[in-house]
Amino acid sequence: MSLAPSGKFRVIACDTFEGPFADEVVGDFDTLDTAIEAAKANLVPMTAVYVYDDTGQLRFNESMPSL
């Protein structure tokens, strides 16, 4: 799930409230900057977002606790 298509960056959002954790692929993006923007746009309370490159390397992550 974390491996993006060749030359792309994949954004994954994880609902940390629901158990077991519910992961969702937000999308695949052409640049790291647009992937990070999309990740931040999907960050809401009780979630974590991750950006992976096409080798499966984590390039960005952030989480938001409950309010």
C-alpha atoms as a PDB file:
ATOM      1  CA  MET A   1       0.000   0.000   0.000  1.00  0.00           C
ATOM      2  CA  SER A   2       2.830   2.457   0.711  1.00  0.00           C
ATOM      3  CA  LEU A   3       4.665   1.920  -2.573  1.00  0.00           C
ATOM      4  CA  ALA A   4       3.830   4.681  -5.070  1.00  0.00           C
ATOM      5  CA  PRO A   5       3.865   4.176  -8.847  1.00  0.00           C
ATOM      6  CA  SER A   6       7.164   4.934 -10.549  1.00  0.00           C
ATOM      7  CA  GLY A   7       8.087   8.611 -10.294  1.00  0.00           C
ATOM      8  CA  LYS A   8       5.179   9.445  -7.965  1.00  0.00           C
ATOM      9  CA  PHE A   9       4.580  10.143  -4.281  1.00  0.00           C
ATOM     10  CA  ARG A  10       1.748   8.402  -2.425  1.00  0.00           C
ATOM     11  CA  VAL A  11      -0.225  10.022   0.389  1.00  0.00           C
ATOM     12  CA  ILE A  12      -1.812   7.757   2.981  1.00  0.00           C
ATOM     13  CA  ALA A  13      -4.133   8.947   5.749  1.00  0.00           C
ATOM     14  CA  CYS A  14      -4.562   6.832   8.858  1.00  0.00           C
ATOM     15  CA  ASP A  15      -7.519   7.176  11.211  1.00  0.00           C
ATOM     16  CA  THR A  16      -5.928   6.597  14.611  1.00  0.00           C
ATOM     17  CA  PHE A  17      -9.273   6.567  16.442  1.00  0.00           C
ATOM     18  CA  GLU A  18     -10.864   3.569  14.736  1.00  0.00           C
ATOM     19  CA  GLY A  19      -9.343   0.248  15.643  1.00  0.00           C
ATOM     20  CA  PRO A  20      -7.658  -1.426  13.992  1.00  0.00           C
ATOM     21  CA  PHE A  21      -6.225   1.626  12.272  1.00  0.00           C
ATOM     22  CA  ALA A  22      -8.067   2.474   9.063  1.00  0.00           C
ATOM     23  CA  ASP A  23      -5.680   3.438   6.255  1.00  0.00           C
ATOM     24  CA  GLU A  24      -6.800   5.237   3.108  1.00  0.00           C
ATOM     25  CA  VAL A  25      -4.808   6.080   0.006  1.00  0.00           C
ATOM     26  CA  VAL A  26      -5.456   9.776  -0.586  1.00  0.00           C
ATOM     27  CA  GLY A  27      -3.741   9.740  -3.964  1.00  0.00           C
ATOM     28  CA  ASP A  28      -0.546   9.632  -6.000  1.00  0.00           C
ATOM     29  CA  PHE A  29       1.193  12.910  -6.861  1.00  0.00           C
ATOM     30  CA  ASP A  30       3.871  14.007  -9.307  1.00  0.00           C
ATOM     31  CA  THR A  31       5.941  16.066  -6.855  1.00  0.00           C
ATOM     32  CA  LEU A  32       6.834  15.804  -3.206  1.00  0.00           C
ATOM     33  CA  ASP A  33       5.560  19.344  -2.582  1.00  0.00           C
ATOM     34  CA  THR A  34       2.078  18.606  -3.948  1.00  0.00           C
ATOM     35  CA  ALA A  35       1.976  15.333  -2.015  1.00  0.00           C
ATOM     36  CA  ILE A  36       2.839  17.141   1.235  1.00  0.00           C
ATOM     37  CA  GLU A  37       0.179  19.788   0.523  1.00  0.00           C
ATOM     38  CA  ALA A  38      -2.398  17.030  -0.005  1.00  0.00           C
ATOM     39  CA  ALA A  39      -1.269  15.250   3.151  1.00  0.00           C
ATOM     40  CA  LYS A  40      -1.627  18.415   5.233  1.00  0.00           C
ATOM     41  CA  ALA A  41      -5.065  19.074   3.705  1.00  0.00           C
ATOM     42  CA  ASN A  42      -6.209  15.630   4.938  1.00  0.00           C
ATOM     43  CA  LEU A  43      -4.922  16.113   8.476  1.00  0.00           C
ATOM     44  CA  VAL A  44      -7.804  16.263  10.942  1.00  0.00           C
ATOM     45  CA  PRO A  45      -8.024  15.369  14.645  1.00  0.00           C
ATOM     46  CA  MET A  46      -7.148  11.747  15.390  1.00  0.00           C
ATOM     47  CA  THR A  47      -5.368  11.164  12.071  1.00  0.00           C
ATOM     48  CA  ALA A  48      -1.857  10.691  10.819  1.00  0.00           C
ATOM     49  CA  VAL A  49      -0.705  11.300   7.255  1.00  0.00           C
ATOM     50  CA  TYR A  50       2.266   9.805   5.456  1.00  0.00           C
ATOM     51  CA  VAL A  51       3.988  10.476   2.122  1.00  0.00           C
ATOM     52  CA  TYR A  52       5.982   7.666   0.514  1.00  0.00           C
ATOM     53  CA  ASP A  53       8.091   7.738  -2.632  1.00  0.00           C
ATOM     54  CA  ASP A  54       8.216   5.081  -5.337  1.00  0.00           C
ATOM     55  CA  THR A  55      10.864   3.107  -3.433  1.00  0.00           C
ATOM     56  CA  GLY A  56       8.635   2.870  -0.343  1.00  0.00           C
ATOM     57  CA  GLN A  57      10.715   5.369   1.631  1.00  0.00           C
ATOM     58  CA  LEU A  58       8.788   7.590   4.033  1.00  0.00           C
ATOM     59  CA  ARG A  59       9.337  11.196   2.950  1.00  0.00           C
ATOM     60  CA  PHE A  60       6.924  13.061   5.270  1.00  0.00           C
ATOM     61  CA  ASN A  61       4.653  12.308   8.186  1.00  0.00           C
ATOM     62  CA  GLU A  62       2.537  14.306  10.586  1.00  0.00           C
ATOM     63  CA  SER A  63      -0.244  13.532  13.053  1.00  0.00           C
ATOM     64  CA  MET A  64      -2.911  15.441  14.903  1.00  0.00           C
ATOM     65  CA  PRO A  65      -4.172  14.369  18.326  1.00  0.00           C
ATOM     66  CA  SER A  66      -7.756  14.857  19.431  1.00  0.00           C
ATOM     67  CA  LEU A  67      -8.904  18.377  20.198  1.00  0.00           C
END
